[in-house]
Amino acid sequence: MQTVSIPTLAFGRFSGVLGERGARQLQHTVEDAHKILGSRIMWHVNSTAAGGGVAEMLQTLLGYERGAGLDARWLVIEGDTDFFALTKRIHNRLHGRMGDGGDLGETEHTQYQKITRRNARDILRSVRPGDVVILHDPQTAGLASHLAELGATVVWRCHIGRDEMNQAATDAWAFLKPYLEHVDAFIFSRACYVPSWLASHPVFIIPPAIDAFSAKNEPMGRATCRSILNHIGLLERTVANGDLDFLRLDGSNGRVERKANIVQVNPIPGWDVPMVVQVSRWDPLKDMAGVMRGFANRIDKMGDAHLVLVGPDVSGVTDDPEGIQVLEDCIARWHRLRKKAKERVHLVCLPMDDIEENAVMVNAIQRHSTMIIQKSLHEGFGLTVTEAMWKARPISASAVGGIQDQIVDEVHGLLLEDPTDTQAMAKAIQFLLENHAVARRLGRNARRRAIAKFLGPRQLIQFVDLLYALEGKSRQRRAA
């Protein structure tokens, strides 16, 4: 089991974003957190330290908890190829999809329990009775009974789900249910994700959040964006007076040194060429291939815009065995595009060797983009949508999962009612490319909403409320 190093981050930097009232409320929350936790350690446990929204969120959430003087720590479980294939199967079915179509029977329980026992031996050497342990997603659910037997307070947080239950999702919950009997509280991103058998259990709805000051979300000038895109190979090399340096979470200096692995005919020919972007894992549920197909089929209506599909180097994401197949499928489809479309579609794999360097690359791509797409078939929440909102980018996204909680259609972005409708997605892209005033209005509204609802302090406030509820206490809100 891996212990992840966590930087110490100061909540004080939010005062300029939250305003005086919000900053005081945050300070009261920190004081209350100390009261309820005392000397107890707060552990977060998940399945990867890099790649995907959960790992990214934990990096900064725990950093702020430590900056507030709380003893917050992060552990990553170990697993083999079969274990992660099984947990990805469960992940897909919680979304209502069959995934690889494999079984969830006794053989799979045996396999899951074998890896769980191995990780339990490791974690029980560190956690103390009374500590608070937040387990994230299906990979960690089996640890709950071991930790409860120790005397820890166990919270299980599920970042995924489906708006309406179907047989695939029902089967996944049936698999997980025996491992969750000893959980003290559950956290979901949306109320409709909660299975009916949890109706009598303590359940809290806490949507995820982003860190406005992380390498992925901090302000970045146009010249720097262009320099980074030149360097990684996405944008044709032009004169740019930006630099490649960035400030790391721990306060040290970093520099963008690696390049991206890009499938393309040529780089985008200039900084003023419109760039339509989707950033996500190479995951079937993100439907990168559908985005490419819709854009390519309507290429004659897209002006001179280019489509950029951005994902991680699949070798750097250990808990997602489907990534390489999805990427290879996208590359095969790209090769079959007609020449005009192929010249304007770019498949970008960003290196994962340095997570903050990767984040800076994503930041540059998102900020340089003309608009952001998130054509997910299913989505637990959609942190890439939150990132685009924070950066005031116009967005078109599927009306699925937590995306619906972030975007009000035609107010903060454009929602696609049918996530499989590639033609509707392409029309939305065309509309935003042609209607600049509307695009700017949507972007401004999206940023205001992100500040109000989806930044890190709100998540901490809700979690402290959860801790008080578990102790049978009511947190008294002081005047801000």
Protein backbone atom coordinates (compact mmCIF):
# COMPACT_ATOMS: atom_id res chain seq x y z
CA MET A 1 0.00 0.00 0.00
CA GLN A 2 1.36 3.37 -1.07
CA THR A 3 1.49 6.45 1.17
CA VAL A 4 1.03 9.55 -0.98
CA SER A 5 2.96 12.70 -0.15
CA ILE A 6 0.61 15.64 0.39
CA PRO A 7 1.57 19.32 0.11
CA THR A 8 0.43 21.78 2.76
CA LEU A 9 -1.88 24.41 1.26
CA ALA A 10 -3.24 27.55 2.90
CA PHE A 11 -6.97 28.26 2.83
CA GLY A 12 -6.15 31.96 3.08
CA ARG A 13 -5.67 32.16 -0.67
CA PHE A 14 -9.44 31.74 -1.11
CA SER A 15 -10.25 35.05 0.59
CA GLY A 16 -9.94 36.93 -2.69
CA VAL A 17 -12.35 34.52 -4.39
CA LEU A 18 -14.88 33.91 -1.61
CA GLY A 19 -15.09 37.43 -0.26
CA GLU A 20 -14.95 38.49 3.38
CA ARG A 21 -18.14 36.69 4.42
CA GLY A 22 -17.15 33.42 2.78
CA ALA A 23 -13.64 33.61 4.25
CA ARG A 24 -15.03 34.00 7.78
CA GLN A 25 -17.36 31.04 7.28
CA LEU A 26 -14.40 28.96 6.15
CA GLN A 27 -12.39 29.95 9.23
CA HIS A 28 -15.29 28.93 11.50
CA THR A 29 -15.42 25.56 9.69
CA VAL A 30 -11.72 24.94 10.32
CA GLU A 31 -12.16 25.73 14.02
CA ASP A 32 -15.12 23.35 14.25
CA ALA A 33 -13.15 20.62 12.46
CA HIS A 34 -10.45 20.80 15.14
CA LYS A 35 -13.09 20.54 17.85
CA ILE A 36 -14.76 17.44 16.46
CA LEU A 37 -11.60 15.59 15.34
CA GLY A 38 -9.29 16.36 18.23
CA SER A 39 -6.16 14.23 17.85
CA ARG A 40 -7.75 11.75 15.45
CA ILE A 41 -6.22 11.18 12.02
CA MET A 42 -8.37 11.52 8.90
CA TRP A 43 -7.37 8.95 6.28
CA HIS A 44 -8.41 8.91 2.62
CA VAL A 45 -7.99 5.62 0.75
CA ASN A 46 -8.39 5.10 -3.00
CA SER A 47 -6.94 3.05 -5.85
CA THR A 48 -4.56 5.42 -7.65
CA ALA A 49 -2.46 8.48 -6.91
CA ALA A 50 -2.60 9.72 -10.50
CA GLY A 51 -5.13 9.83 -13.30
CA GLY A 52 -8.82 10.61 -12.95
CA GLY A 53 -10.82 13.10 -10.96
CA VAL A 54 -10.72 11.38 -7.55
CA ALA A 55 -6.93 11.34 -7.31
CA GLU A 56 -6.73 14.92 -8.52
CA MET A 57 -9.34 16.10 -6.02
CA LEU A 58 -7.64 14.32 -3.10
CA GLN A 59 -4.29 15.93 -3.89
CA THR A 60 -5.61 19.38 -3.09
CA LEU A 61 -8.45 18.57 -0.65
CA LEU A 62 -6.00 16.88 1.70
CA GLY A 63 -3.48 19.65 1.13
CA TYR A 64 -5.96 22.21 2.45
CA GLU A 65 -6.95 19.96 5.34
CA ARG A 66 -3.29 19.75 6.33
CA GLY A 67 -2.90 23.49 5.83
CA ALA A 68 -5.75 23.96 8.29
CA GLY A 69 -3.77 21.99 10.87
CA LEU A 70 -5.74 18.75 10.49
CA ASP A 71 -3.87 15.43 10.41
CA ALA A 72 -5.02 14.22 6.98
CA ARG A 73 -3.26 11.33 5.21
CA TRP A 74 -3.65 9.47 1.92
CA LEU A 75 -3.17 5.77 1.19
CA VAL A 76 -3.44 4.01 -2.18
CA ILE A 77 -4.30 0.32 -2.28
CA GLU A 78 -2.45 -2.25 -4.35
CA GLY A 79 -4.07 -4.63 -6.79
CA ASP A 80 -3.25 -6.93 -9.67
CA THR A 81 -4.52 -6.88 -13.25
CA ASP A 82 -7.44 -9.20 -12.48
CA PHE A 83 -8.53 -7.08 -9.52
CA PHE A 84 -8.61 -3.86 -11.52
CA ALA A 85 -10.40 -5.59 -14.41
CA LEU A 86 -13.05 -6.68 -11.89
CA THR A 87 -13.41 -3.26 -10.26
CA LYS A 88 -13.67 -1.59 -13.69
CA ARG A 89 -16.45 -4.09 -14.45
CA ILE A 90 -18.23 -2.94 -11.27
CA HIS A 91 -17.55 0.70 -12.20
CA ASN A 92 -19.18 0.24 -15.60
CA ARG A 93 -22.19 -1.55 -14.15
CA LEU A 94 -22.78 1.13 -11.53
CA HIS A 95 -23.14 3.39 -14.57
CA GLY A 96 -25.64 0.90 -16.00
CA ARG A 97 -23.27 -0.48 -18.65
CA MET A 98 -22.20 -4.11 -19.04
CA GLY A 99 -18.56 -3.25 -19.72
CA ASP A 100 -16.59 -6.41 -20.47
CA GLY A 101 -19.67 -8.56 -19.81
CA GLY A 102 -17.88 -10.67 -17.20
CA ASP A 103 -19.42 -12.31 -14.14
CA LEU A 104 -19.88 -10.96 -10.62
CA GLY A 105 -20.16 -14.34 -8.91
CA GLU A 106 -18.40 -16.36 -6.24
CA THR A 107 -15.14 -16.50 -8.19
CA GLU A 108 -15.09 -12.72 -8.40
CA HIS A 109 -15.88 -12.37 -4.67
CA THR A 110 -12.95 -14.66 -3.89
CA GLN A 111 -10.67 -12.61 -6.10
CA TYR A 112 -11.88 -9.31 -4.58
CA GLN A 113 -11.47 -10.59 -1.02
CA LYS A 114 -7.94 -11.87 -1.65
CA ILE A 115 -6.69 -8.42 -2.66
CA THR A 116 -8.74 -6.77 0.08
CA ARG A 117 -7.17 -8.94 2.81
CA ARG A 118 -3.71 -8.07 1.54
CA ASN A 119 -4.48 -4.34 1.67
CA ALA A 120 -6.22 -4.68 5.05
CA ARG A 121 -3.05 -6.09 6.60
CA ASP A 122 -1.19 -2.98 5.46
CA ILE A 123 -3.76 -0.39 6.45
CA LEU A 124 -4.34 -1.84 9.92
CA ARG A 125 -0.69 -1.20 10.73
CA SER A 126 -1.32 2.54 10.39
CA VAL A 127 -4.92 3.35 11.33
CA ARG A 128 -5.77 3.69 15.02
CA PRO A 129 -9.07 3.09 16.81
CA GLY A 130 -11.16 6.25 16.57
CA ASP A 131 -9.50 7.52 13.40
CA VAL A 132 -11.77 8.59 10.54
CA VAL A 133 -11.24 6.66 7.29
CA ILE A 134 -12.85 7.79 4.02
CA LEU A 135 -12.85 4.95 1.48
CA HIS A 136 -13.34 5.97 -2.15
CA ASP A 137 -15.25 3.93 -4.73
CA PRO A 138 -15.68 0.16 -5.27
CA GLN A 139 -11.99 -0.72 -5.12
CA THR A 140 -11.83 0.08 -1.38
CA ALA A 141 -15.27 -1.08 -0.16
CA GLY A 142 -13.96 -4.41 1.14
CA LEU A 143 -11.78 -2.64 3.72
CA ALA A 144 -14.80 -1.33 5.64
CA SER A 145 -15.37 -4.37 7.87
CA HIS A 146 -11.67 -4.63 8.79
CA LEU A 147 -11.53 -0.97 9.79
CA ALA A 148 -14.81 -1.12 11.69
CA GLU A 149 -13.55 -4.10 13.67
CA LEU A 150 -10.49 -2.02 14.60
CA GLY A 151 -12.76 0.73 15.94
CA ALA A 152 -12.27 3.34 13.24
CA THR A 153 -15.08 5.54 11.94
CA VAL A 154 -15.65 4.42 8.35
CA VAL A 155 -17.09 6.59 5.58
CA TRP A 156 -17.51 5.23 2.06
CA ARG A 157 -17.64 7.77 -0.76
CA CYS A 158 -19.03 6.67 -4.12
CA HIS A 159 -18.17 9.07 -6.96
CA ILE A 160 -20.17 7.21 -9.60
CA GLY A 161 -23.75 6.16 -10.19
CA ARG A 162 -26.74 6.13 -12.45
CA ASP A 163 -29.79 8.39 -12.44
CA GLU A 164 -32.16 5.43 -12.90
CA MET A 165 -31.35 1.91 -11.75
CA ASN A 166 -31.18 -0.87 -14.34
CA GLN A 167 -30.19 -4.54 -14.11
CA ALA A 168 -26.49 -3.91 -14.62
CA ALA A 169 -26.42 -1.36 -11.80
CA THR A 170 -28.54 -3.60 -9.57
CA ASP A 171 -26.05 -6.46 -10.06
CA ALA A 172 -23.12 -4.19 -9.15
CA TRP A 173 -24.81 -3.01 -5.96
CA ALA A 174 -25.65 -6.60 -5.05
CA PHE A 175 -21.94 -7.43 -5.33
CA LEU A 176 -20.89 -4.47 -3.16
CA LYS A 177 -23.62 -4.65 -0.51
CA PRO A 178 -22.00 -7.31 1.75
CA TYR A 179 -18.82 -5.24 1.98
CA LEU A 180 -20.64 -2.08 3.06
CA GLU A 181 -22.55 -3.37 6.06
CA HIS A 182 -20.14 -1.86 8.58
CA VAL A 183 -19.89 1.62 7.05
CA ASP A 184 -20.87 4.46 9.42
CA ALA A 185 -21.83 6.95 6.71
CA PHE A 186 -22.07 7.15 2.94
CA ILE A 187 -21.27 10.04 0.61
CA PHE A 188 -22.72 10.32 -2.90
CA SER A 189 -22.43 13.07 -5.50
CA ARG A 190 -26.17 12.96 -6.30
CA ALA A 191 -29.22 11.83 -4.35
CA CYS A 192 -30.47 9.66 -7.23
CA TYR A 193 -27.27 7.57 -7.07
CA VAL A 194 -28.18 6.22 -3.62
CA PRO A 195 -29.50 2.63 -3.80
CA SER A 196 -32.83 2.06 -2.09
CA TRP A 197 -31.41 -0.33 0.52
CA LEU A 198 -29.45 2.59 2.03
CA ALA A 199 -32.65 4.47 2.87
CA SER A 200 -32.21 3.88 6.62
CA HIS A 201 -28.47 4.62 6.68
CA PRO A 202 -26.68 7.96 7.18
CA VAL A 203 -26.23 9.28 3.64
CA PHE A 204 -24.76 12.67 2.73
CA ILE A 205 -24.84 14.33 -0.67
CA ILE A 206 -21.53 16.11 -1.26
CA PRO A 207 -20.66 16.97 -4.88
CA PRO A 208 -16.96 17.07 -5.75
CA ALA A 209 -15.07 20.34 -6.14
CA ILE A 210 -11.95 21.71 -7.78
CA ASP A 211 -9.03 23.68 -6.39
CA ALA A 212 -8.95 27.09 -8.03
CA PHE A 213 -5.22 27.43 -7.35
CA SER A 214 -3.88 24.07 -8.46
CA ALA A 215 -1.58 23.78 -11.45
CA LYS A 216 -4.57 22.78 -13.56
CA ASN A 217 -6.72 25.76 -12.60
CA GLU A 218 -4.47 28.67 -11.68
CA PRO A 219 -4.52 31.77 -13.92
CA MET A 220 -2.37 31.50 -17.03
CA GLY A 221 -1.62 34.19 -19.59
CA ARG A 222 -2.18 33.71 -23.31
CA ALA A 223 1.52 33.87 -24.12
CA THR A 224 2.26 31.09 -21.63
CA CYS A 225 -0.59 28.96 -23.02
CA ARG A 226 0.80 29.32 -26.51
CA SER A 227 4.36 28.55 -25.42
CA ILE A 228 3.23 25.36 -23.70
CA LEU A 229 1.12 24.24 -26.67
CA ASN A 230 4.06 24.97 -28.99
CA HIS A 231 6.36 22.95 -26.74
CA ILE A 232 4.17 19.85 -26.40
CA GLY A 233 3.64 19.76 -30.18
CA LEU A 234 -0.03 20.70 -30.51
CA LEU A 235 0.31 24.25 -31.83
CA GLU A 236 2.52 25.21 -34.75
CA ARG A 237 5.66 26.89 -33.48
CA THR A 238 5.26 30.64 -33.57
CA VAL A 239 6.87 33.54 -31.78
CA ALA A 240 5.62 33.40 -28.17
CA ASN A 241 6.98 35.38 -25.24
CA GLY A 242 5.51 33.13 -22.55
CA ASP A 243 7.60 30.73 -20.51
CA LEU A 244 7.30 27.09 -19.50
CA ASP A 245 7.82 27.57 -15.77
CA PHE A 246 5.14 26.98 -13.15
CA LEU A 247 4.81 26.97 -9.36
CA ARG A 248 4.23 23.60 -7.74
CA LEU A 249 1.80 22.97 -4.89
CA ASP A 250 4.67 22.69 -2.44
CA GLY A 251 6.01 26.13 -3.47
CA SER A 252 8.95 24.87 -5.54
CA ASN A 253 9.49 25.76 -9.18
CA GLY A 254 8.56 23.39 -11.98
CA ARG A 255 8.97 23.48 -15.74
CA VAL A 256 7.11 21.87 -18.63
CA GLU A 257 9.81 19.69 -20.18
CA ARG A 258 8.05 16.65 -21.63
CA LYS A 259 6.13 16.61 -24.89
CA ALA A 260 2.78 15.06 -25.69
CA ASN A 261 2.28 11.98 -27.83
CA ILE A 262 -0.04 13.31 -30.54
CA VAL A 263 -1.75 11.53 -33.41
CA GLN A 264 -2.11 14.25 -36.05
CA VAL A 265 -1.22 15.17 -39.63
CA ASN A 266 0.31 18.49 -38.63
CA PRO A 267 0.11 20.76 -35.56
CA ILE A 268 -2.69 23.34 -35.44
CA PRO A 269 -1.49 26.03 -37.86
CA GLY A 270 -1.80 29.11 -35.63
CA TRP A 271 -2.88 30.47 -32.25
CA ASP A 272 -5.95 32.20 -33.75
CA VAL A 273 -7.43 28.95 -35.16
CA PRO A 274 -10.56 27.93 -33.14
CA MET A 275 -9.92 24.89 -30.96
CA VAL A 276 -12.73 22.60 -29.73
CA VAL A 277 -11.54 20.44 -26.83
CA GLN A 278 -12.63 17.42 -24.82
CA VAL A 279 -10.40 16.37 -21.91
CA SER A 280 -11.09 13.02 -20.25
CA ARG A 281 -9.77 9.54 -19.66
CA TRP A 282 -9.70 7.15 -22.59
CA ASP A 283 -12.84 5.52 -21.29
CA PRO A 284 -15.80 4.13 -23.28
CA LEU A 285 -18.20 6.21 -21.18
CA LYS A 286 -16.50 9.46 -22.29
CA ASP A 287 -17.26 8.63 -25.95
CA MET A 288 -14.19 10.24 -27.49
CA ALA A 289 -14.91 8.31 -30.69
CA GLY A 290 -18.42 9.77 -30.83
CA VAL A 291 -17.08 13.31 -30.50
CA MET A 292 -14.64 12.67 -33.35
CA ARG A 293 -17.32 11.13 -35.56
CA GLY A 294 -19.79 13.98 -35.02
CA PHE A 295 -17.18 16.67 -35.67
CA ALA A 296 -15.82 14.92 -38.76
CA ASN A 297 -19.28 14.37 -40.27
CA ARG A 298 -20.01 18.10 -40.02
CA ILE A 299 -16.52 19.33 -40.84
CA ASP A 300 -17.76 21.54 -43.70
CA LYS A 301 -19.86 23.55 -41.20
CA MET A 302 -17.08 24.09 -38.65
CA GLY A 303 -15.20 26.93 -40.36
CA ASP A 304 -11.50 26.37 -39.80
CA ALA A 305 -11.92 24.93 -36.26
CA HIS A 306 -9.84 21.96 -35.07
CA LEU A 307 -10.96 19.23 -32.66
CA VAL A 308 -8.55 18.22 -29.89
CA LEU A 309 -9.28 15.07 -27.86
CA VAL A 310 -7.04 14.99 -24.79
CA GLY A 311 -6.40 12.09 -22.44
CA PRO A 312 -3.61 10.67 -20.30
CA ASP A 313 -0.79 8.46 -21.46
CA VAL A 314 -2.58 5.17 -20.79
CA SER A 315 0.53 3.55 -19.31
CA GLY A 316 0.31 6.03 -16.42
CA VAL A 317 -3.23 5.09 -15.28
CA THR A 318 -2.90 1.80 -13.43
CA ASP A 319 -6.50 1.24 -12.33
CA ASP A 320 -8.15 1.54 -15.77
CA PRO A 321 -7.37 -1.48 -17.96
CA GLU A 322 -9.76 -0.31 -20.73
CA GLY A 323 -7.76 2.81 -21.55
CA ILE A 324 -5.43 1.29 -24.11
CA GLN A 325 -8.27 -0.39 -26.04
CA VAL A 326 -10.27 2.85 -26.20
CA LEU A 327 -7.26 4.82 -27.38
CA GLU A 328 -6.37 2.24 -30.02
CA ASP A 329 -9.96 2.28 -31.27
CA CYS A 330 -9.88 6.08 -31.56
CA ILE A 331 -6.60 5.95 -33.48
CA ALA A 332 -8.00 3.32 -35.87
CA ARG A 333 -11.08 5.49 -36.47
CA TRP A 334 -8.88 8.57 -36.99
CA HIS A 335 -6.97 6.76 -39.73
CA ARG A 336 -10.26 6.09 -41.52
CA LEU A 337 -11.33 9.76 -41.57
CA ARG A 338 -11.36 11.53 -44.89
CA LYS A 339 -8.36 13.78 -45.49
CA LYS A 340 -10.02 17.11 -44.64
CA ALA A 341 -11.28 15.84 -41.30
CA LYS A 342 -8.07 14.00 -40.43
CA GLU A 343 -6.08 17.22 -40.85
CA ARG A 344 -8.26 18.94 -38.24
CA VAL A 345 -8.58 16.23 -35.58
CA HIS A 346 -5.83 15.71 -33.00
CA LEU A 347 -5.59 12.85 -30.48
CA VAL A 348 -3.40 13.99 -27.60
CA CYS A 349 -1.89 11.75 -24.91
CA LEU A 350 -0.33 13.77 -22.12
CA PRO A 351 2.56 12.30 -20.09
CA MET A 352 1.77 11.23 -16.53
CA ASP A 353 5.32 11.03 -15.17
CA ASP A 354 4.89 14.37 -13.38
CA ILE A 355 1.29 14.96 -12.34
CA GLU A 356 1.65 18.72 -11.91
CA GLU A 357 3.37 19.08 -15.27
CA ASN A 358 0.46 17.13 -16.76
CA ALA A 359 -1.98 19.48 -15.02
CA VAL A 360 -0.24 22.57 -16.44
CA MET A 361 -0.54 21.12 -19.94
CA VAL A 362 -4.28 20.54 -19.42
CA ASN A 363 -4.66 24.07 -18.05
CA ALA A 364 -3.00 25.53 -21.14
CA ILE A 365 -5.17 23.46 -23.49
CA GLN A 366 -8.41 24.34 -21.71
CA ARG A 367 -7.61 28.05 -21.44
CA HIS A 368 -6.58 28.27 -25.09
CA SER A 369 -9.71 26.43 -26.23
CA THR A 370 -12.53 28.21 -28.01
CA MET A 371 -15.03 25.87 -26.37
CA ILE A 372 -15.14 22.70 -24.27
CA ILE A 373 -17.08 19.51 -25.01
CA GLN A 374 -17.96 16.76 -22.53
CA LYS A 375 -19.98 14.19 -24.45
CA SER A 376 -20.13 11.58 -21.70
CA LEU A 377 -22.57 8.71 -22.06
CA HIS A 378 -22.67 8.49 -18.26
CA GLU A 379 -20.91 10.70 -15.74
CA GLY A 380 -20.62 10.52 -11.97
CA PHE A 381 -20.05 14.25 -11.70
CA GLY A 382 -17.75 15.69 -14.38
CA LEU A 383 -14.84 17.68 -12.94
CA THR A 384 -13.65 18.61 -16.43
CA VAL A 385 -16.92 20.54 -16.77
CA THR A 386 -16.21 22.33 -13.49
CA GLU A 387 -12.72 23.20 -14.71
CA ALA A 388 -14.12 24.69 -17.91
CA MET A 389 -16.70 26.68 -15.94
CA TRP A 390 -14.02 28.11 -13.65
CA LYS A 391 -12.06 29.17 -16.74
CA ALA A 392 -15.16 30.82 -18.25
CA ARG A 393 -15.10 28.60 -21.32
CA PRO A 394 -18.36 28.02 -23.24
CA ILE A 395 -19.41 24.40 -22.78
CA SER A 396 -21.57 21.85 -24.52
CA ALA A 397 -22.05 18.69 -22.48
CA SER A 398 -24.34 15.69 -22.11
CA ALA A 399 -27.32 16.03 -19.76
CA VAL A 400 -26.20 13.06 -17.67
CA GLY A 401 -25.18 12.56 -14.06
CA GLY A 402 -23.64 15.43 -12.15
CA ILE A 403 -23.25 17.54 -15.28
CA GLN A 404 -26.95 18.34 -14.88
CA ASP A 405 -26.24 19.77 -11.42
CA GLN A 406 -23.55 22.05 -12.79
CA ILE A 407 -25.09 23.43 -15.96
CA VAL A 408 -28.51 24.94 -16.48
CA ASP A 409 -29.16 24.64 -20.20
CA GLU A 410 -28.65 27.90 -22.14
CA VAL A 411 -27.58 29.66 -18.92
CA HIS A 412 -24.17 28.15 -18.12
CA GLY A 413 -23.73 26.07 -21.26
CA LEU A 414 -25.60 23.89 -23.74
CA LEU A 415 -26.87 20.48 -22.63
CA LEU A 416 -27.34 17.52 -24.99
CA GLU A 417 -30.49 15.66 -23.98
CA ASP A 418 -29.41 12.50 -25.82
CA PRO A 419 -25.71 11.80 -25.13
CA THR A 420 -25.54 9.41 -28.09
CA ASP A 421 -26.71 12.05 -30.59
CA THR A 422 -23.50 12.98 -32.38
CA GLN A 423 -25.35 15.22 -34.84
CA ALA A 424 -26.84 17.33 -32.04
CA MET A 425 -23.41 17.64 -30.46
CA ALA A 426 -21.91 18.79 -33.76
CA LYS A 427 -24.69 21.36 -34.19
CA ALA A 428 -24.01 22.70 -30.70
CA ILE A 429 -20.32 23.08 -31.57
CA GLN A 430 -21.20 24.90 -34.77
CA PHE A 431 -23.63 27.20 -32.92
CA LEU A 432 -21.06 28.26 -30.32
CA LEU A 433 -18.37 28.75 -32.95
CA GLU A 434 -20.67 31.05 -34.92
CA ASN A 435 -22.31 32.97 -32.04
CA HIS A 436 -19.49 34.62 -30.16
CA ALA A 437 -21.66 36.82 -27.93
CA VAL A 438 -23.68 33.84 -26.72
CA ALA A 439 -20.49 31.87 -26.10
CA ARG A 440 -19.01 34.70 -24.00
CA ARG A 441 -22.24 35.05 -21.97
CA LEU A 442 -22.37 31.34 -21.23
CA GLY A 443 -18.72 31.38 -20.18
CA ARG A 444 -19.20 34.31 -17.79
CA ASN A 445 -22.26 32.71 -16.21
CA ALA A 446 -20.44 29.39 -15.85
CA ARG A 447 -17.54 30.97 -13.96
CA ARG A 448 -19.87 32.70 -11.50
CA ARG A 449 -21.64 29.41 -10.82
CA ALA A 450 -18.34 27.56 -10.31
CA ILE A 451 -17.25 30.12 -7.70
CA ALA A 452 -20.56 29.88 -5.86
CA LYS A 453 -20.95 26.09 -5.81
CA PHE A 454 -17.97 24.03 -6.89
CA LEU A 455 -14.78 25.20 -5.18
CA GLY A 456 -12.95 23.29 -2.44
CA PRO A 457 -14.12 25.22 0.67
CA ARG A 458 -17.75 24.19 0.14
CA GLN A 459 -16.74 20.54 0.20
CA LEU A 460 -14.86 20.94 3.50
CA ILE A 461 -17.82 22.71 5.08
CA GLN A 462 -20.12 19.83 4.15
CA PHE A 463 -17.68 17.21 5.39
CA VAL A 464 -17.35 18.88 8.79
CA ASP A 465 -21.16 18.88 9.01
CA LEU A 466 -20.99 15.10 8.35
CA LEU A 467 -18.51 14.57 11.19
CA TYR A 468 -20.75 16.42 13.63
CA ALA A 469 -23.77 14.39 12.51
CA LEU A 470 -21.89 11.12 13.11
CA GLU A 471 -21.16 12.28 16.66
CA GLY A 472 -24.85 13.01 17.17
CA LYS A 473 -24.17 16.73 17.37
CA SER A 474 -25.47 19.71 15.47
CA ARG A 475 -22.88 22.20 14.30
CA GLN A 476 -23.88 25.70 15.33
CA ARG A 477 -23.46 28.10 12.46
CA ARG A 478 -21.95 31.40 13.59
CA ALA A 479 -22.71 34.68 11.92
CA ALA A 480 -20.33 35.25 9.03
